[in-house]
Amino acid sequence: MITGDVLVHAVQLAAPSVAYRLERDQATARRTRQNLLADARDRGHLLATVHLNHPFLRP
């Protein structure tokens, strides 16, 4: 699953409610992160991350 700009900091993997200062709509971004990570966990997806230190991660 490609995360794009949904995850911009590694802390958001552990705490998806943590906002990024430049998010225009932080409430929607938070819900999107939470839903993406829950879906990835439920389906066993590998995350393709753009902004993190490792290009591929398991949620």
C-alpha atoms as a PDB file:
ATOM      1  CA  MET A   1       0.000   0.000   0.000  1.00  0.00           C
ATOM      2  CA  ILE A   2       1.524   3.343  -1.058  1.00  0.00           C
ATOM      3  CA  THR A   3       1.202   5.883   1.753  1.00  0.00           C
ATOM      4  CA  GLY A   4       2.192   9.024  -0.149  1.00  0.00           C
ATOM      5  CA  ASP A   5       1.825  12.082   2.088  1.00  0.00           C
ATOM      6  CA  VAL A   6      -0.476  10.303   4.560  1.00  0.00           C
ATOM      7  CA  LEU A   7       2.583   9.470   6.700  1.00  0.00           C
ATOM      8  CA  VAL A   8       5.204  12.192   6.916  1.00  0.00           C
ATOM      9  CA  HIS A   9       6.889  11.217  10.200  1.00  0.00           C
ATOM     10  CA  ALA A  10       7.660   7.843  11.785  1.00  0.00           C
ATOM     11  CA  VAL A  11       5.857   8.819  14.994  1.00  0.00           C
ATOM     12  CA  GLN A  12       2.596   8.724  13.023  1.00  0.00           C
ATOM     13  CA  LEU A  13       2.960   4.956  12.683  1.00  0.00           C
ATOM     14  CA  ALA A  14       2.657   4.588  16.459  1.00  0.00           C
ATOM     15  CA  ALA A  15       0.361   7.572  16.982  1.00  0.00           C
ATOM     16  CA  PRO A  16      -1.619   8.320  13.796  1.00  0.00           C
ATOM     17  CA  SER A  17      -3.468  11.116  15.590  1.00  0.00           C
ATOM     18  CA  VAL A  18      -0.293  13.232  15.589  1.00  0.00           C
ATOM     19  CA  ALA A  19      -0.809  16.038  13.095  1.00  0.00           C
ATOM     20  CA  TYR A  20       1.687  17.523  10.693  1.00  0.00           C
ATOM     21  CA  ARG A  21       1.844  21.309  10.822  1.00  0.00           C
ATOM     22  CA  LEU A  22       1.319  21.783   7.076  1.00  0.00           C
ATOM     23  CA  GLU A  23      -1.805  19.625   6.793  1.00  0.00           C
ATOM     24  CA  ARG A  24      -4.581  21.893   5.566  1.00  0.00           C
ATOM     25  CA  ASP A  25      -7.363  19.779   7.109  1.00  0.00           C
ATOM     26  CA  GLN A  26      -5.833  18.041  10.114  1.00  0.00           C
ATOM     27  CA  ALA A  27      -9.043  16.236  11.128  1.00  0.00           C
ATOM     28  CA  THR A  28      -9.388  14.600   7.696  1.00  0.00           C
ATOM     29  CA  ALA A  29      -5.670  13.801   7.586  1.00  0.00           C
ATOM     30  CA  ARG A  30      -5.906  12.151  11.015  1.00  0.00           C
ATOM     31  CA  ARG A  31      -8.888  10.000   9.995  1.00  0.00           C
ATOM     32  CA  THR A  32      -7.186   9.078   6.725  1.00  0.00           C
ATOM     33  CA  ARG A  33      -4.024   7.956   8.562  1.00  0.00           C
ATOM     34  CA  GLN A  34      -5.999   5.952  11.106  1.00  0.00           C
ATOM     35  CA  ASN A  35      -8.092   4.258   8.396  1.00  0.00           C
ATOM     36  CA  LEU A  36      -5.101   3.537   6.154  1.00  0.00           C
ATOM     37  CA  LEU A  37      -3.097   1.960   8.978  1.00  0.00           C
ATOM     38  CA  ALA A  38      -6.065  -0.083  10.233  1.00  0.00           C
ATOM     39  CA  ASP A  39      -6.782  -1.349   6.715  1.00  0.00           C
ATOM     40  CA  ALA A  40      -3.118  -2.189   6.110  1.00  0.00           C
ATOM     41  CA  ARG A  41      -2.953  -4.132   9.405  1.00  0.00           C
ATOM     42  CA  ASP A  42      -6.214  -5.971   8.742  1.00  0.00           C
ATOM     43  CA  ARG A  43      -5.159  -7.013   5.245  1.00  0.00           C
ATOM     44  CA  GLY A  44      -1.484  -7.674   6.036  1.00  0.00           C
ATOM     45  CA  HIS A  45      -0.268  -5.070   3.546  1.00  0.00           C
ATOM     46  CA  LEU A  46       3.282  -3.871   3.278  1.00  0.00           C
ATOM     47  CA  LEU A  47       3.515  -0.064   3.408  1.00  0.00           C
ATOM     48  CA  ALA A  48       5.477   1.748   0.720  1.00  0.00           C
ATOM     49  CA  THR A  49       6.500   4.903   2.560  1.00  0.00           C
ATOM     50  CA  VAL A  50       7.813   8.015   0.879  1.00  0.00           C
ATOM     51  CA  HIS A  51       8.919  10.204   3.788  1.00  0.00           C
ATOM     52  CA  LEU A  52      10.269   7.664   6.274  1.00  0.00           C
ATOM     53  CA  ASN A  53      13.751   6.153   6.679  1.00  0.00           C
ATOM     54  CA  HIS A  54      12.712   2.745   5.346  1.00  0.00           C
ATOM     55  CA  PRO A  55      10.959   2.526   1.976  1.00  0.00           C
ATOM     56  CA  PHE A  56       8.875  -0.512   3.008  1.00  0.00           C
ATOM     57  CA  LEU A  57       7.363  -1.249   6.420  1.00  0.00           C
ATOM     58  CA  ARG A  58       4.815  -3.525   8.049  1.00  0.00           C
ATOM     59  CA  PRO A  59       2.228  -1.561  10.055  1.00  0.00           C
END
